[in-house]
PDB file of N, CA and C in Angstrom:
ATOM      1  N   MET A   1     -28.160 -30.554  69.520  1.00  0.00           N
ATOM      2  CA  MET A   1     -27.736 -31.813  69.695  1.00  0.00           C
ATOM      3  C   MET A   1     -26.731 -32.169  68.703  1.00  0.00           C
ATOM      4  N   ILE A   2     -25.612 -32.829  69.219  1.00  0.00           N
ATOM      5  CA  ILE A   2     -24.488 -33.256  68.386  1.00  0.00           C
ATOM      6  C   ILE A   2     -24.736 -34.588  67.709  1.00  0.00           C
ATOM      7  N   THR A   3     -24.665 -34.556  66.342  1.00  0.00           N
ATOM      8  CA  THR A   3     -24.928 -35.873  65.742  1.00  0.00           C
ATOM      9  C   THR A   3     -23.521 -36.383  65.492  1.00  0.00           C
ATOM     10  N   MET A   4     -23.323 -37.774  65.514  1.00  0.00           N
ATOM     11  CA  MET A   4     -22.105 -38.463  65.265  1.00  0.00           C
ATOM     12  C   MET A   4     -22.201 -38.672  63.728  1.00  0.00           C
ATOM     13  N   PRO A   5     -20.966 -38.518  63.075  1.00  0.00           N
ATOM     14  CA  PRO A   5     -21.012 -38.994  61.547  1.00  0.00           C
ATOM     15  C   PRO A   5     -21.178 -40.353  61.397  1.00  0.00           C
ATOM     16  N   LYS A   6     -21.908 -40.790  60.226  1.00  0.00           N
ATOM     17  CA  LYS A   6     -21.862 -42.153  59.910  1.00  0.00           C
ATOM     18  C   LYS A   6     -20.341 -42.520  59.472  1.00  0.00           C
ATOM     19  N   ILE A   7     -20.139 -43.916  59.934  1.00  0.00           N
ATOM     20  CA  ILE A   7     -18.836 -44.470  59.581  1.00  0.00           C
ATOM     21  C   ILE A   7     -19.100 -45.801  58.752  1.00  0.00           C
ATOM     22  N   GLY A   8     -18.384 -45.778  57.744  1.00  0.00           N
ATOM     23  CA  GLY A   8     -18.324 -46.939  56.921  1.00  0.00           C
ATOM     24  C   GLY A   8     -17.080 -47.632  56.690  1.00  0.00           C
ATOM     25  N   VAL A   9     -17.116 -49.014  56.440  1.00  0.00           N
ATOM     26  CA  VAL A   9     -15.809 -49.662  56.178  1.00  0.00           C
ATOM     27  C   VAL A   9     -16.055 -50.418  54.794  1.00  0.00           C
ATOM     28  N   VAL A  10     -14.958 -50.308  53.895  1.00  0.00           N
ATOM     29  CA  VAL A  10     -15.003 -50.977  52.721  1.00  0.00           C
ATOM     30  C   VAL A  10     -13.955 -51.775  52.595  1.00  0.00           C
ATOM     31  N   GLY A  11     -13.922 -53.150  52.182  1.00  0.00           N
ATOM     32  CA  GLY A  11     -12.757 -53.950  52.028  1.00  0.00           C
ATOM     33  C   GLY A  11     -13.407 -55.324  51.835  1.00  0.00           C
ATOM     34  N   ASP A  12     -12.444 -56.259  51.736  1.00  0.00           N
ATOM     35  CA  ASP A  12     -12.837 -57.673  51.525  1.00  0.00           C
ATOM     36  C   ASP A  12     -13.502 -58.097  52.774  1.00  0.00           C
ATOM     37  N   LYS A  13     -14.467 -59.178  52.651  1.00  0.00           N
ATOM     38  CA  LYS A  13     -15.314 -59.639  53.833  1.00  0.00           C
ATOM     39  C   LYS A  13     -14.575 -60.003  55.074  1.00  0.00           C
ATOM     40  N   ASP A  14     -13.360 -60.588  54.804  1.00  0.00           N
ATOM     41  CA  ASP A  14     -12.590 -61.001  56.115  1.00  0.00           C
ATOM     42  C   ASP A  14     -12.144 -59.803  56.878  1.00  0.00           C
ATOM     43  N   SER A  15     -11.994 -58.797  56.215  1.00  0.00           N
ATOM     44  CA  SER A  15     -11.262 -57.576  56.777  1.00  0.00           C
ATOM     45  C   SER A  15     -12.536 -56.724  57.553  1.00  0.00           C
ATOM     46  N   VAL A  16     -13.529 -56.736  56.853  1.00  0.00           N
ATOM     47  CA  VAL A  16     -14.708 -55.665  57.291  1.00  0.00           C
ATOM     48  C   VAL A  16     -15.660 -56.333  58.251  1.00  0.00           C
ATOM     49  N   LEU A  17     -15.949 -57.495  58.271  1.00  0.00           N
ATOM     50  CA  LEU A  17     -17.089 -58.123  59.026  1.00  0.00           C
ATOM     51  C   LEU A  17     -16.900 -57.802  60.553  1.00  0.00           C
ATOM     52  N   ALA A  18     -15.723 -57.901  61.066  1.00  0.00           N
ATOM     53  CA  ALA A  18     -15.603 -57.553  62.477  1.00  0.00           C
ATOM     54  C   ALA A  18     -15.995 -56.206  62.880  1.00  0.00           C
ATOM     55  N   PHE A  19     -15.988 -55.203  61.981  1.00  0.00           N
ATOM     56  CA  PHE A  19     -16.456 -53.832  62.270  1.00  0.00           C
ATOM     57  C   PHE A  19     -17.888 -53.768  62.456  1.00  0.00           C
ATOM     58  N   LYS A  20     -18.637 -54.711  61.880  1.00  0.00           N
ATOM     59  CA  LYS A  20     -20.037 -54.668  62.115  1.00  0.00           C
ATOM     60  C   LYS A  20     -20.372 -54.892  63.553  1.00  0.00           C
ATOM     61  N   ALA A  21     -19.585 -55.565  64.279  1.00  0.00           N
ATOM     62  CA  ALA A  21     -19.843 -55.881  65.678  1.00  0.00           C
ATOM     63  C   ALA A  21     -19.831 -54.549  66.513  1.00  0.00           C
ATOM     64  N   PHE A  22     -19.046 -53.562  65.984  1.00  0.00           N
ATOM     65  CA  PHE A  22     -18.813 -52.335  66.645  1.00  0.00           C
ATOM     66  C   PHE A  22     -19.919 -51.237  66.290  1.00  0.00           C
ATOM     67  N   GLY A  23     -20.835 -51.734  65.257  1.00  0.00           N
ATOM     68  CA  GLY A  23     -21.994 -50.942  64.834  1.00  0.00           C
ATOM     69  C   GLY A  23     -21.656 -50.147  63.547  1.00  0.00           C
ATOM     70  N   LEU A  24     -20.558 -50.350  62.934  1.00  0.00           N
ATOM     71  CA  LEU A  24     -20.233 -49.606  61.823  1.00  0.00           C
ATOM     72  C   LEU A  24     -20.887 -50.325  60.622  1.00  0.00           C
ATOM     73  N   SER A  25     -21.085 -49.487  59.617  1.00  0.00           N
ATOM     74  CA  SER A  25     -21.531 -50.029  58.329  1.00  0.00           C
ATOM     75  C   SER A  25     -20.630 -50.744  57.513  1.00  0.00           C
ATOM     76  N   VAL A  26     -20.672 -51.868  57.143  1.00  0.00           N
ATOM     77  CA  VAL A  26     -19.673 -52.622  56.344  1.00  0.00           C
ATOM     78  C   VAL A  26     -20.071 -52.622  54.966  1.00  0.00           C
ATOM     79  N   PHE A  27     -19.179 -52.646  53.847  1.00  0.00           N
ATOM     80  CA  PHE A  27     -19.598 -52.704  52.557  1.00  0.00           C
ATOM     81  C   PHE A  27     -18.445 -53.493  51.879  1.00  0.00           C
ATOM     82  N   PRO A  28     -18.794 -54.935  51.869  1.00  0.00           N
ATOM     83  CA  PRO A  28     -17.698 -55.878  51.152  1.00  0.00           C
ATOM     84  C   PRO A  28     -17.395 -55.415  49.777  1.00  0.00           C
ATOM     85  N   ALA A  29     -16.092 -55.590  49.418  1.00  0.00           N
ATOM     86  CA  ALA A  29     -15.737 -55.366  48.087  1.00  0.00           C
ATOM     87  C   ALA A  29     -14.448 -56.145  47.670  1.00  0.00           C
ATOM     88  N   VAL A  30     -14.174 -56.308  46.420  1.00  0.00           N
ATOM     89  CA  VAL A  30     -13.056 -57.083  46.138  1.00  0.00           C
ATOM     90  C   VAL A  30     -11.982 -56.149  45.315  1.00  0.00           C
ATOM     91  N   ALA A  31     -10.821 -56.355  45.448  1.00  0.00           N
ATOM     92  CA  ALA A  31      -9.874 -55.574  44.927  1.00  0.00           C
ATOM     93  C   ALA A  31      -9.724 -55.768  43.310  1.00  0.00           C
ATOM     94  N   SER A  32     -10.189 -56.807  42.840  1.00  0.00           N
ATOM     95  CA  SER A  32     -10.175 -57.072  41.352  1.00  0.00           C
ATOM     96  C   SER A  32     -11.303 -56.324  40.618  1.00  0.00           C
ATOM     97  N   ASP A  33     -12.382 -55.697  41.400  1.00  0.00           N
ATOM     98  CA  ASP A  33     -13.426 -54.869  40.688  1.00  0.00           C
ATOM     99  C   ASP A  33     -13.281 -53.518  41.337  1.00  0.00           C
ATOM    100  N   SER A  34     -12.405 -52.792  40.668  1.00  0.00           N
ATOM    101  CA  SER A  34     -12.057 -51.437  41.114  1.00  0.00           C
ATOM    102  C   SER A  34     -13.350 -50.520  40.735  1.00  0.00           C
ATOM    103  N   GLU A  35     -13.974 -50.781  39.781  1.00  0.00           N
ATOM    104  CA  GLU A  35     -15.219 -50.008  39.462  1.00  0.00           C
ATOM    105  C   GLU A  35     -16.209 -49.912  40.543  1.00  0.00           C
ATOM    106  N   ALA A  36     -16.576 -51.273  40.981  1.00  0.00           N
ATOM    107  CA  ALA A  36     -17.450 -51.519  42.103  1.00  0.00           C
ATOM    108  C   ALA A  36     -16.988 -50.739  43.335  1.00  0.00           C
ATOM    109  N   SER A  37     -15.829 -50.803  43.770  1.00  0.00           N
ATOM    110  CA  SER A  37     -15.272 -50.327  44.953  1.00  0.00           C
ATOM    111  C   SER A  37     -15.229 -48.789  44.649  1.00  0.00           C
ATOM    112  N   ARG A  38     -14.980 -48.315  43.629  1.00  0.00           N
ATOM    113  CA  ARG A  38     -15.189 -46.697  43.444  1.00  0.00           C
ATOM    114  C   ARG A  38     -16.556 -46.369  43.613  1.00  0.00           C
ATOM    115  N   LYS A  39     -17.581 -47.103  43.114  1.00  0.00           N
ATOM    116  CA  LYS A  39     -18.961 -46.807  43.267  1.00  0.00           C
ATOM    117  C   LYS A  39     -19.371 -46.731  44.685  1.00  0.00           C
ATOM    118  N   ILE A  40     -18.968 -47.675  45.557  1.00  0.00           N
ATOM    119  CA  ILE A  40     -19.278 -47.825  46.875  1.00  0.00           C
ATOM    120  C   ILE A  40     -18.745 -46.681  47.565  1.00  0.00           C
ATOM    121  N   VAL A  41     -17.394 -46.138  47.341  1.00  0.00           N
ATOM    122  CA  VAL A  41     -16.950 -45.073  48.053  1.00  0.00           C
ATOM    123  C   VAL A  41     -17.790 -43.819  47.754  1.00  0.00           C
ATOM    124  N   ASP A  42     -18.005 -43.601  46.292  1.00  0.00           N
ATOM    125  CA  ASP A  42     -18.762 -42.481  45.917  1.00  0.00           C
ATOM    126  C   ASP A  42     -20.088 -42.477  46.670  1.00  0.00           C
ATOM    127  N   LYS A  43     -20.843 -43.509  46.704  1.00  0.00           N
ATOM    128  CA  LYS A  43     -22.158 -43.682  47.209  1.00  0.00           C
ATOM    129  C   LYS A  43     -22.128 -43.168  48.716  1.00  0.00           C
ATOM    130  N   LEU A  44     -21.128 -43.825  49.407  1.00  0.00           N
ATOM    131  CA  LEU A  44     -21.070 -43.450  50.802  1.00  0.00           C
ATOM    132  C   LEU A  44     -20.864 -41.953  51.102  1.00  0.00           C
ATOM    133  N   ALA A  45     -19.901 -41.267  50.094  1.00  0.00           N
ATOM    134  CA  ALA A  45     -19.739 -39.846  50.367  1.00  0.00           C
ATOM    135  C   ALA A  45     -20.995 -38.983  50.104  1.00  0.00           C
ATOM    136  N   ARG A  46     -21.828 -39.514  49.109  1.00  0.00           N
ATOM    137  CA  ARG A  46     -23.135 -38.858  48.760  1.00  0.00           C
ATOM    138  C   ARG A  46     -24.053 -38.942  49.960  1.00  0.00           C
ATOM    139  N   GLU A  47     -24.020 -40.215  50.648  1.00  0.00           N
ATOM    140  CA  GLU A  47     -24.845 -40.387  51.659  1.00  0.00           C
ATOM    141  C   GLU A  47     -24.509 -39.892  53.119  1.00  0.00           C
ATOM    142  N   ASP A  48     -23.476 -38.915  52.945  1.00  0.00           N
ATOM    143  CA  ASP A  48     -23.095 -38.239  54.231  1.00  0.00           C
ATOM    144  C   ASP A  48     -22.232 -39.027  55.157  1.00  0.00           C
ATOM    145  N   TYR A  49     -21.615 -39.942  54.750  1.00  0.00           N
ATOM    146  CA  TYR A  49     -20.699 -40.678  55.699  1.00  0.00           C
ATOM    147  C   TYR A  49     -19.489 -39.790  55.917  1.00  0.00           C
ATOM    148  N   GLY A  50     -19.220 -39.614  57.246  1.00  0.00           N
ATOM    149  CA  GLY A  50     -18.138 -38.654  57.631  1.00  0.00           C
ATOM    150  C   GLY A  50     -16.716 -39.278  57.663  1.00  0.00           C
ATOM    151  N   ILE A  51     -16.795 -40.573  57.839  1.00  0.00           N
ATOM    152  CA  ILE A  51     -15.482 -41.249  57.861  1.00  0.00           C
ATOM    153  C   ILE A  51     -15.706 -42.646  57.177  1.00  0.00           C
ATOM    154  N   ILE A  52     -14.686 -42.959  56.119  1.00  0.00           N
ATOM    155  CA  ILE A  52     -14.788 -44.030  55.370  1.00  0.00           C
ATOM    156  C   ILE A  52     -13.418 -44.773  55.634  1.00  0.00           C
ATOM    157  N   PHE A  53     -13.552 -45.888  56.197  1.00  0.00           N
ATOM    158  CA  PHE A  53     -12.310 -46.766  56.289  1.00  0.00           C
ATOM    159  C   PHE A  53     -12.143 -47.649  55.002  1.00  0.00           C
ATOM    160  N   VAL A  54     -11.120 -47.707  54.358  1.00  0.00           N
ATOM    161  CA  VAL A  54     -10.875 -48.414  53.325  1.00  0.00           C
ATOM    162  C   VAL A  54      -9.705 -49.395  53.405  1.00  0.00           C
ATOM    163  N   THR A  55      -9.732 -50.714  53.134  1.00  0.00           N
ATOM    164  CA  THR A  55      -8.560 -51.430  53.098  1.00  0.00           C
ATOM    165  C   THR A  55      -7.413 -50.879  52.194  1.00  0.00           C
ATOM    166  N   GLU A  56      -6.283 -51.119  52.556  1.00  0.00           N
ATOM    167  CA  GLU A  56      -5.228 -50.735  51.546  1.00  0.00           C
ATOM    168  C   GLU A  56      -5.296 -51.425  50.220  1.00  0.00           C
ATOM    169  N   GLN A  57      -5.804 -52.690  50.279  1.00  0.00           N
ATOM    170  CA  GLN A  57      -5.741 -53.506  49.038  1.00  0.00           C
ATOM    171  C   GLN A  57      -6.845 -52.845  48.182  1.00  0.00           C
ATOM    172  N   ILE A  58      -8.006 -52.558  48.703  1.00  0.00           N
ATOM    173  CA  ILE A  58      -8.942 -51.634  47.766  1.00  0.00           C
ATOM    174  C   ILE A  58      -8.405 -50.339  47.333  1.00  0.00           C
ATOM    175  N   ALA A  59      -7.747 -49.658  48.365  1.00  0.00           N
ATOM    176  CA  ALA A  59      -7.313 -48.344  48.034  1.00  0.00           C
ATOM    177  C   ALA A  59      -6.416 -48.283  47.006  1.00  0.00           C
ATOM    178  N   GLU A  60      -5.712 -49.431  47.013  1.00  0.00           N
ATOM    179  CA  GLU A  60      -4.602 -49.383  45.957  1.00  0.00           C
ATOM    180  C   GLU A  60      -5.098 -49.420  44.440  1.00  0.00           C
ATOM    181  N   THR A  61      -6.433 -49.828  44.345  1.00  0.00           N
ATOM    182  CA  THR A  61      -7.144 -50.072  42.999  1.00  0.00           C
ATOM    183  C   THR A  61      -7.858 -48.788  42.544  1.00  0.00           C
ATOM    184  N   ILE A  62      -8.130 -47.911  43.649  1.00  0.00           N
ATOM    185  CA  ILE A  62      -8.925 -46.721  43.329  1.00  0.00           C
ATOM    186  C   ILE A  62      -8.244 -45.436  43.744  1.00  0.00           C
ATOM    187  N   THR A  63      -6.944 -45.259  43.507  1.00  0.00           N
ATOM    188  CA  THR A  63      -6.275 -44.202  44.054  1.00  0.00           C
ATOM    189  C   THR A  63      -6.854 -42.847  43.459  1.00  0.00           C
ATOM    190  N   GLU A  64      -7.313 -42.798  42.269  1.00  0.00           N
ATOM    191  CA  GLU A  64      -7.994 -41.548  41.842  1.00  0.00           C
ATOM    192  C   GLU A  64      -9.023 -41.057  42.637  1.00  0.00           C
ATOM    193  N   THR A  65      -9.936 -41.978  42.926  1.00  0.00           N
ATOM    194  CA  THR A  65     -10.967 -41.692  43.866  1.00  0.00           C
ATOM    195  C   THR A  65     -10.609 -41.185  45.272  1.00  0.00           C
ATOM    196  N   ILE A  66      -9.630 -41.952  45.752  1.00  0.00           N
ATOM    197  CA  ILE A  66      -8.971 -41.576  47.121  1.00  0.00           C
ATOM    198  C   ILE A  66      -8.463 -40.210  47.138  1.00  0.00           C
ATOM    199  N   ASP A  67      -7.739 -39.928  45.971  1.00  0.00           N
ATOM    200  CA  ASP A  67      -7.073 -38.564  45.752  1.00  0.00           C
ATOM    201  C   ASP A  67      -8.106 -37.395  45.672  1.00  0.00           C
ATOM    202  N   ARG A  68      -9.261 -37.739  44.981  1.00  0.00           N
ATOM    203  CA  ARG A  68     -10.236 -36.907  44.869  1.00  0.00           C
ATOM    204  C   ARG A  68     -10.921 -36.399  46.131  1.00  0.00           C
ATOM    205  N   TYR A  69     -11.081 -37.268  47.060  1.00  0.00           N
ATOM    206  CA  TYR A  69     -11.657 -37.027  48.341  1.00  0.00           C
ATOM    207  C   TYR A  69     -10.584 -36.339  49.383  1.00  0.00           C
ATOM    208  N   ASP A  70      -9.399 -36.474  49.010  1.00  0.00           N
ATOM    209  CA  ASP A  70      -8.362 -35.903  50.000  1.00  0.00           C
ATOM    210  C   ASP A  70      -8.512 -34.342  49.919  1.00  0.00           C
ATOM    211  N   ARG A  71      -8.930 -33.878  48.704  1.00  0.00           N
ATOM    212  CA  ARG A  71      -9.115 -32.433  48.534  1.00  0.00           C
ATOM    213  C   ARG A  71     -10.482 -31.966  49.199  1.00  0.00           C
ATOM    214  N   CYS A  72     -11.189 -32.725  49.863  1.00  0.00           N
ATOM    215  CA  CYS A  72     -12.559 -32.419  50.509  1.00  0.00           C
ATOM    216  C   CYS A  72     -12.334 -32.576  52.008  1.00  0.00           C
ATOM    217  N   VAL A  73     -13.090 -31.838  52.729  1.00  0.00           N
ATOM    218  CA  VAL A  73     -13.100 -31.863  54.289  1.00  0.00           C
ATOM    219  C   VAL A  73     -13.595 -33.178  54.645  1.00  0.00           C
ATOM    220  N   LEU A  74     -14.817 -33.439  54.116  1.00  0.00           N
ATOM    221  CA  LEU A  74     -15.632 -34.731  54.348  1.00  0.00           C
ATOM    222  C   LEU A  74     -15.880 -35.479  53.119  1.00  0.00           C
ATOM    223  N   PRO A  75     -15.905 -36.697  53.075  1.00  0.00           N
ATOM    224  CA  PRO A  75     -15.558 -37.612  54.032  1.00  0.00           C
ATOM    225  C   PRO A  75     -14.090 -37.865  54.427  1.00  0.00           C
ATOM    226  N   ALA A  76     -13.767 -38.204  55.561  1.00  0.00           N
ATOM    227  CA  ALA A  76     -12.340 -38.379  55.793  1.00  0.00           C
ATOM    228  C   ALA A  76     -12.090 -39.982  55.338  1.00  0.00           C
ATOM    229  N   ILE A  77     -11.166 -40.154  54.561  1.00  0.00           N
ATOM    230  CA  ILE A  77     -10.992 -41.489  53.985  1.00  0.00           C
ATOM    231  C   ILE A  77      -9.587 -42.057  54.863  1.00  0.00           C
ATOM    232  N   ILE A  78      -9.809 -43.144  55.575  1.00  0.00           N
ATOM    233  CA  ILE A  78      -8.737 -43.698  56.196  1.00  0.00           C
ATOM    234  C   ILE A  78      -8.306 -45.026  55.823  1.00  0.00           C
ATOM    235  N   LEU A  79      -7.112 -45.190  55.390  1.00  0.00           N
ATOM    236  CA  LEU A  79      -6.649 -46.566  54.865  1.00  0.00           C
ATOM    237  C   LEU A  79      -6.291 -47.418  56.104  1.00  0.00           C
ATOM    238  N   ILE A  80      -6.760 -48.666  56.012  1.00  0.00           N
ATOM    239  CA  ILE A  80      -6.454 -49.667  57.147  1.00  0.00           C
ATOM    240  C   ILE A  80      -5.932 -50.913  56.466  1.00  0.00           C
ATOM    241  N   PRO A  81      -5.185 -51.563  57.277  1.00  0.00           N
ATOM    242  CA  PRO A  81      -4.756 -52.771  56.598  1.00  0.00           C
ATOM    243  C   PRO A  81      -5.841 -53.820  56.529  1.00  0.00           C
ATOM    244  N   GLY A  82      -5.540 -54.637  55.503  1.00  0.00           N
ATOM    245  CA  GLY A  82      -6.704 -55.782  55.235  1.00  0.00           C
ATOM    246  C   GLY A  82      -6.199 -56.975  55.993  1.00  0.00           C
ATOM    247  N   SER A  83      -7.040 -58.039  55.850  1.00  0.00           N
ATOM    248  CA  SER A  83      -6.778 -59.288  56.569  1.00  0.00           C
ATOM    249  C   SER A  83      -5.489 -59.963  56.118  1.00  0.00           C
ATOM    250  N   THR A  84      -4.931 -59.642  55.040  1.00  0.00           N
ATOM    251  CA  THR A  84      -3.640 -60.195  54.473  1.00  0.00           C
ATOM    252  C   THR A  84      -2.492 -59.459  54.988  1.00  0.00           C
ATOM    253  N   GLY A  85      -2.620 -58.315  55.741  1.00  0.00           N
ATOM    254  CA  GLY A  85      -1.670 -57.538  56.244  1.00  0.00           C
ATOM    255  C   GLY A  85      -1.677 -56.192  55.543  1.00  0.00           C
ATOM    256  N   SER A  86      -0.541 -55.319  56.100  1.00  0.00           N
ATOM    257  CA  SER A  86      -0.428 -54.031  55.669  1.00  0.00           C
ATOM    258  C   SER A  86       0.535 -53.871  54.435  1.00  0.00           C
ATOM    259  N   LEU A  87       0.160 -52.940  53.508  1.00  0.00           N
ATOM    260  CA  LEU A  87       0.922 -52.608  52.351  1.00  0.00           C
ATOM    261  C   LEU A  87       1.913 -51.487  52.573  1.00  0.00           C
ATOM    262  N   GLY A  88       1.618 -50.703  53.787  1.00  0.00           N
ATOM    263  CA  GLY A  88       2.380 -49.652  54.011  1.00  0.00           C
ATOM    264  C   GLY A  88       1.820 -48.329  53.519  1.00  0.00           C
ATOM    265  N   ILE A  89       0.775 -48.480  52.758  1.00  0.00           N
ATOM    266  CA  ILE A  89       0.221 -47.298  52.149  1.00  0.00           C
ATOM    267  C   ILE A  89      -0.495 -46.240  53.005  1.00  0.00           C
ATOM    268  N   GLY A  90      -1.187 -46.857  54.111  1.00  0.00           N
ATOM    269  CA  GLY A  90      -1.852 -46.049  54.964  1.00  0.00           C
ATOM    270  C   GLY A  90      -0.892 -45.330  55.814  1.00  0.00           C
ATOM    271  N   LEU A  91       0.156 -45.962  56.431  1.00  0.00           N
ATOM    272  CA  LEU A  91       1.241 -45.203  57.149  1.00  0.00           C
ATOM    273  C   LEU A  91       1.995 -44.082  56.413  1.00  0.00           C
ATOM    274  N   ALA A  92       2.218 -44.447  55.035  1.00  0.00           N
ATOM    275  CA  ALA A  92       2.841 -43.361  54.263  1.00  0.00           C
ATOM    276  C   ALA A  92       1.850 -42.221  54.151  1.00  0.00           C
ATOM    277  N   ARG A  93       0.538 -42.384  54.117  1.00  0.00           N
ATOM    278  CA  ARG A  93      -0.400 -41.226  53.962  1.00  0.00           C
ATOM    279  C   ARG A  93      -0.389 -40.402  55.210  1.00  0.00           C
ATOM    280  N   ILE A  94      -0.466 -41.216  56.420  1.00  0.00           N
ATOM    281  CA  ILE A  94      -0.419 -40.473  57.551  1.00  0.00           C
ATOM    282  C   ILE A  94       0.826 -39.489  57.620  1.00  0.00           C
ATOM    283  N   ARG A  95       2.063 -40.234  57.354  1.00  0.00           N
ATOM    284  CA  ARG A  95       3.347 -39.424  57.365  1.00  0.00           C
ATOM    285  C   ARG A  95       3.348 -38.198  56.476  1.00  0.00           C
ATOM    286  N   ARG A  96       2.768 -38.300  55.285  1.00  0.00           N
ATOM    287  CA  ARG A  96       2.546 -37.200  54.483  1.00  0.00           C
ATOM    288  C   ARG A  96       1.583 -36.027  54.993  1.00  0.00           C
ATOM    289  N   ASN A  97       0.534 -36.354  55.509  1.00  0.00           N
ATOM    290  CA  ASN A  97      -0.405 -35.490  56.160  1.00  0.00           C
ATOM    291  C   ASN A  97       0.276 -34.789  57.392  1.00  0.00           C
ATOM    292  N   VAL A  98       0.793 -35.599  58.046  1.00  0.00           N
ATOM    293  CA  VAL A  98       1.611 -34.981  59.408  1.00  0.00           C
ATOM    294  C   VAL A  98       2.601 -34.000  58.916  1.00  0.00           C
ATOM    295  N   GLU A  99       3.376 -34.399  57.974  1.00  0.00           N
ATOM    296  CA  GLU A  99       4.486 -33.420  57.418  1.00  0.00           C
ATOM    297  C   GLU A  99       3.981 -32.222  56.921  1.00  0.00           C
ATOM    298  N   LYS A 100       2.761 -32.263  56.192  1.00  0.00           N
ATOM    299  CA  LYS A 100       2.228 -31.161  55.590  1.00  0.00           C
ATOM    300  C   LYS A 100       1.489 -30.246  56.617  1.00  0.00           C
ATOM    301  N   ALA A 101       0.965 -30.864  57.613  1.00  0.00           N
ATOM    302  CA  ALA A 101       0.408 -30.044  58.704  1.00  0.00           C
ATOM    303  C   ALA A 101       1.469 -29.350  59.713  1.00  0.00           C
ATOM    304  N   VAL A 102       2.594 -30.094  60.065  1.00  0.00           N
ATOM    305  CA  VAL A 102       3.437 -29.614  60.990  1.00  0.00           C
ATOM    306  C   VAL A 102       4.593 -29.016  60.317  1.00  0.00           C
ATOM    307  N   GLY A 103       5.070 -29.271  59.147  1.00  0.00           N
ATOM    308  CA  GLY A 103       6.110 -28.844  58.335  1.00  0.00           C
ATOM    309  C   GLY A 103       7.357 -29.674  58.319  1.00  0.00           C
ATOM    310  N   MET A 104       7.234 -30.757  59.064  1.00  0.00           N
ATOM    311  CA  MET A 104       8.359 -31.711  59.077  1.00  0.00           C
ATOM    312  C   MET A 104       7.884 -33.065  59.534  1.00  0.00           C
ATOM    313  N   ASN A 105       8.557 -34.121  59.128  1.00  0.00           N
ATOM    314  CA  ASN A 105       8.177 -35.470  59.456  1.00  0.00           C
ATOM    315  C   ASN A 105       8.524 -35.814  61.021  1.00  0.00           C
ATOM    316  N   ILE A 106       7.697 -35.566  61.865  1.00  0.00           N
ATOM    317  CA  ILE A 106       7.981 -35.972  63.285  1.00  0.00           C
ATOM    318  C   ILE A 106       7.699 -37.436  63.562  1.00  0.00           C
ATOM    319  N   LEU A 107       7.108 -38.326  62.763  1.00  0.00           N
ATOM    320  CA  LEU A 107       6.806 -39.637  63.050  1.00  0.00           C
ATOM    321  C   LEU A 107       8.167 -40.532  62.927  1.00  0.00           C
ATOM    322  N   ASP A 108       8.993 -40.174  62.189  1.00  0.00           N
ATOM    323  CA  ASP A 108      10.161 -41.012  62.072  1.00  0.00           C
ATOM    324  C   ASP A 108      11.048 -41.013  63.495  1.00  0.00           C
ATOM    325  N   SER A 109      10.822 -40.124  64.345  1.00  0.00           N
ATOM    326  CA  SER A 109      11.738 -39.918  65.522  1.00  0.00           C
ATOM    327  C   SER A 109      11.230 -40.973  66.624  1.00  0.00           C
ATOM    328  N   PHE A 110       9.993 -41.688  66.271  1.00  0.00           N
ATOM    329  CA  PHE A 110       9.514 -42.742  67.272  1.00  0.00           C
ATOM    330  C   PHE A 110       9.892 -44.178  67.008  1.00  0.00           C
TER     331      PHE A 110
END
């Protein structure tokens, strides 16, 4: 039997509550409390969440935690824009990962 990985969303309330309607686990956090945000992400990783969406505003305050999980297969940490808009951090990460995987930046041609 194939089991689906647990998926969590970490960010400000306005950004994450909509994900609850899709059945995802939501974990409200505030960018001003980076220690609490770090603890949430670490807890989700320990509890076998396979995918953790983190708003860019939160990710900007816990870069060392995000970088630590980049070296692991799971969980996959995906940065998403928050309710206040995108900071461009998530797209920059995707570009770096695609360039690393393919050997060149193929996303700029679109």
